[in-house]
C-alpha atoms as a PDB file:
ATOM      1  CA  MET A   1       0.118   0.082   0.024  1.00  0.00           C
ATOM      2  CA  ASN A   2       1.516   3.496  -0.804  1.00  0.00           C
ATOM      3  CA  SER A   3       1.081   6.573   1.121  1.00  0.00           C
ATOM      4  CA  GLU A   4      -1.750   8.047  -0.908  1.00  0.00           C
ATOM      5  CA  GLN A   5      -3.921   4.609  -0.700  1.00  0.00           C
ATOM      6  CA  ALA A   6      -3.054   4.894   3.178  1.00  0.00           C
ATOM      7  CA  GLU A   7      -4.420   8.334   3.313  1.00  0.00           C
ATOM      8  CA  ILE A   8      -7.385   7.584   1.299  1.00  0.00           C
ATOM      9  CA  LEU A   9      -8.165   4.613   3.747  1.00  0.00           C
ATOM     10  CA  ALA A  10      -7.646   6.841   6.869  1.00  0.00           C
ATOM     11  CA  LEU A  11     -10.093   9.593   5.245  1.00  0.00           C
ATOM     12  CA  GLN A  12     -12.624   6.859   4.952  1.00  0.00           C
ATOM     13  CA  ALA A  13     -11.897   6.281   8.668  1.00  0.00           C
ATOM     14  CA  LEU A  14     -12.360   9.602   9.781  1.00  0.00           C
ATOM     15  CA  THR A  15     -15.701   9.737   7.846  1.00  0.00           C
ATOM     16  CA  PHE A  16     -16.900   6.709   9.631  1.00  0.00           C
ATOM     17  CA  LEU A  17     -15.578   8.184  13.036  1.00  0.00           C
ATOM     18  CA  ALA A  18     -17.683  11.492  12.165  1.00  0.00           C
ATOM     19  CA  ALA A  19     -20.751   9.794  11.308  1.00  0.00           C
ATOM     20  CA  ASP A  20     -20.984   8.331  14.933  1.00  0.00           C
ATOM     21  CA  THR A  21     -21.061  11.410  17.357  1.00  0.00           C
ATOM     22  CA  GLU A  22     -20.220   9.109  20.565  1.00  0.00           C
ATOM     23  CA  ILE A  23     -17.161   7.602  18.731  1.00  0.00           C
ATOM     24  CA  MET A  24     -16.108  10.942  17.247  1.00  0.00           C
ATOM     25  CA  ASN A  25     -16.314  12.522  20.791  1.00  0.00           C
ATOM     26  CA  ARG A  26     -14.200   9.643  22.284  1.00  0.00           C
ATOM     27  CA  PHE A  27     -11.577  10.195  19.483  1.00  0.00           C
ATOM     28  CA  ALA A  28     -11.613  13.895  20.214  1.00  0.00           C
ATOM     29  CA  ALA A  29     -11.364  13.453  23.961  1.00  0.00           C
ATOM     30  CA  LEU A  30      -8.169  11.205  23.484  1.00  0.00           C
ATOM     31  CA  SER A  31      -6.756  13.474  20.739  1.00  0.00           C
ATOM     32  CA  GLY A  32      -7.115  16.642  22.960  1.00  0.00           C
ATOM     33  CA  LEU A  33      -8.811  18.292  19.876  1.00  0.00           C
ATOM     34  CA  ALA A  34     -12.258  19.346  19.116  1.00  0.00           C
ATOM     35  CA  PRO A  35     -14.109  17.379  16.459  1.00  0.00           C
ATOM     36  CA  ASN A  36     -14.215  20.502  14.239  1.00  0.00           C
ATOM     37  CA  ASP A  37     -10.365  20.853  14.838  1.00  0.00           C
ATOM     38  CA  ILE A  38      -9.810  17.209  13.672  1.00  0.00           C
ATOM     39  CA  ILE A  39     -11.752  17.688  10.531  1.00  0.00           C
ATOM     40  CA  ALA A  40     -10.109  20.848   9.655  1.00  0.00           C
ATOM     41  CA  ARG A  41      -6.592  18.878  10.116  1.00  0.00           C
ATOM     42  CA  ALA A  42      -7.951  15.924   7.970  1.00  0.00           C
ATOM     43  CA  ASN A  43      -5.387  16.651   5.199  1.00  0.00           C
ATOM     44  CA  GLU A  44      -2.269  16.335   7.701  1.00  0.00           C
ATOM     45  CA  ALA A  45      -0.539  12.584   7.481  1.00  0.00           C
ATOM     46  CA  GLU A  46      -0.192  12.801  11.174  1.00  0.00           C
ATOM     47  CA  MET A  47      -3.750  13.289  12.082  1.00  0.00           C
ATOM     48  CA  LEU A  48      -4.579  10.600   9.580  1.00  0.00           C
ATOM     49  CA  ALA A  49      -2.303   8.289  11.430  1.00  0.00           C
ATOM     50  CA  GLY A  50      -3.741   9.036  14.628  1.00  0.00           C
ATOM     51  CA  VAL A  51      -7.225   8.357  13.391  1.00  0.00           C
ATOM     52  CA  LEU A  52      -5.925   4.778  12.102  1.00  0.00           C
ATOM     53  CA  ASP A  53      -4.205   4.370  15.676  1.00  0.00           C
ATOM     54  CA  PHE A  54      -7.774   5.094  17.242  1.00  0.00           C
ATOM     55  CA  MET A  55      -9.496   2.786  15.003  1.00  0.00           C
ATOM     56  CA  LEU A  56      -6.859  -0.112  15.567  1.00  0.00           C
ATOM     57  CA  SER A  57      -7.206   0.353  19.505  1.00  0.00           C
ATOM     58  CA  ASP A  58     -10.723  -0.481  19.450  1.00  0.00           C
ATOM     59  CA  GLU A  59     -11.724  -3.944  17.826  1.00  0.00           C
ATOM     60  CA  THR A  60     -15.498  -3.003  17.728  1.00  0.00           C
ATOM     61  CA  VAL A  61     -14.912   0.208  15.752  1.00  0.00           C
ATOM     62  CA  LEU A  62     -12.284  -1.486  13.514  1.00  0.00           C
ATOM     63  CA  THR A  63     -14.530  -4.286  12.444  1.00  0.00           C
ATOM     64  CA  ASP A  64     -17.438  -2.218  12.094  1.00  0.00           C
ATOM     65  CA  PHE A  65     -15.748   0.029   9.855  1.00  0.00           C
ATOM     66  CA  CYS A  66     -14.325  -2.696   7.914  1.00  0.00           C
ATOM     67  CA  ALA A  67     -17.787  -4.417   7.367  1.00  0.00           C
ATOM     68  CA  ALA A  68     -19.334  -1.050   6.376  1.00  0.00           C
ATOM     69  CA  ASN A  69     -16.489  -0.567   3.626  1.00  0.00           C
ATOM     70  CA  ASP A  70     -16.046  -4.252   2.638  1.00  0.00           C
ATOM     71  CA  LEU A  71     -12.473  -4.260   3.879  1.00  0.00           C
ATOM     72  CA  ASN A  72     -10.154  -6.874   5.075  1.00  0.00           C
ATOM     73  CA  PRO A  73      -9.272  -5.881   8.888  1.00  0.00           C
ATOM     74  CA  GLU A  74      -5.892  -6.164   7.887  1.00  0.00           C
ATOM     75  CA  HIS A  75      -6.071  -3.077   5.479  1.00  0.00           C
ATOM     76  CA  PRO A  76      -6.125  -0.168   8.105  1.00  0.00           C
ATOM     77  CA  ALA A  77      -2.996  -1.907  10.019  1.00  0.00           C
ATOM     78  CA  ARG A  78      -1.340  -1.874   6.500  1.00  0.00           C
ATOM     79  CA  ALA A  79      -2.265   1.523   5.934  1.00  0.00           C
ATOM     80  CA  ARG A  80      -1.088   2.759   9.521  1.00  0.00           C
ATOM     81  CA  GLN A  81       2.367   1.355   8.598  1.00  0.00           C
ATOM     82  CA  THR A  82       2.683   3.677   5.512  1.00  0.00           C
ATOM     83  CA  LEU A  83       1.832   6.950   7.414  1.00  0.00           C
ATOM     84  CA  PRO A  84       4.069   8.893   9.715  1.00  0.00           C
ATOM     85  CA  GLY A  85       5.317   6.795  12.827  1.00  0.00           C
ATOM     86  CA  GLY A  86       4.011   3.318  11.396  1.00  0.00           C
ATOM     87  CA  ASP A  87       7.521   2.219  10.831  1.00  0.00           C
ATOM     88  CA  LEU A  88       8.202   1.961  14.336  1.00  0.00           C
ATOM     89  CA  PRO A  89       9.112  -1.464  15.681  1.00  0.00           C
ATOM     90  CA  HIS A  90       6.235  -3.431  17.427  1.00  0.00           C
ATOM     91  CA  TRP A  91       7.763  -5.267  20.581  1.00  0.00           C
ATOM     92  CA  THR A  92       6.085  -8.579  21.324  1.00  0.00           C
END
């Protein structure tokens, strides 16, 4: 997956979050930004990485997003690896 594809997927994820007030407010609280600020920064790769980080941390949100968009649940994780900070090692 290239960075453009990753950003498109992350924008789809942000659209999914924004459609659910409860989930969007939870993301806003965790990010420290108001929902309008999140939307205004949607063109920033770092913000999109944060959207995917949030989604990947909540299995229910992840599976609902993937089901709604007919995506394999591995695609958001692959997209996250392409965005800033995604190349960090994962310790097991």
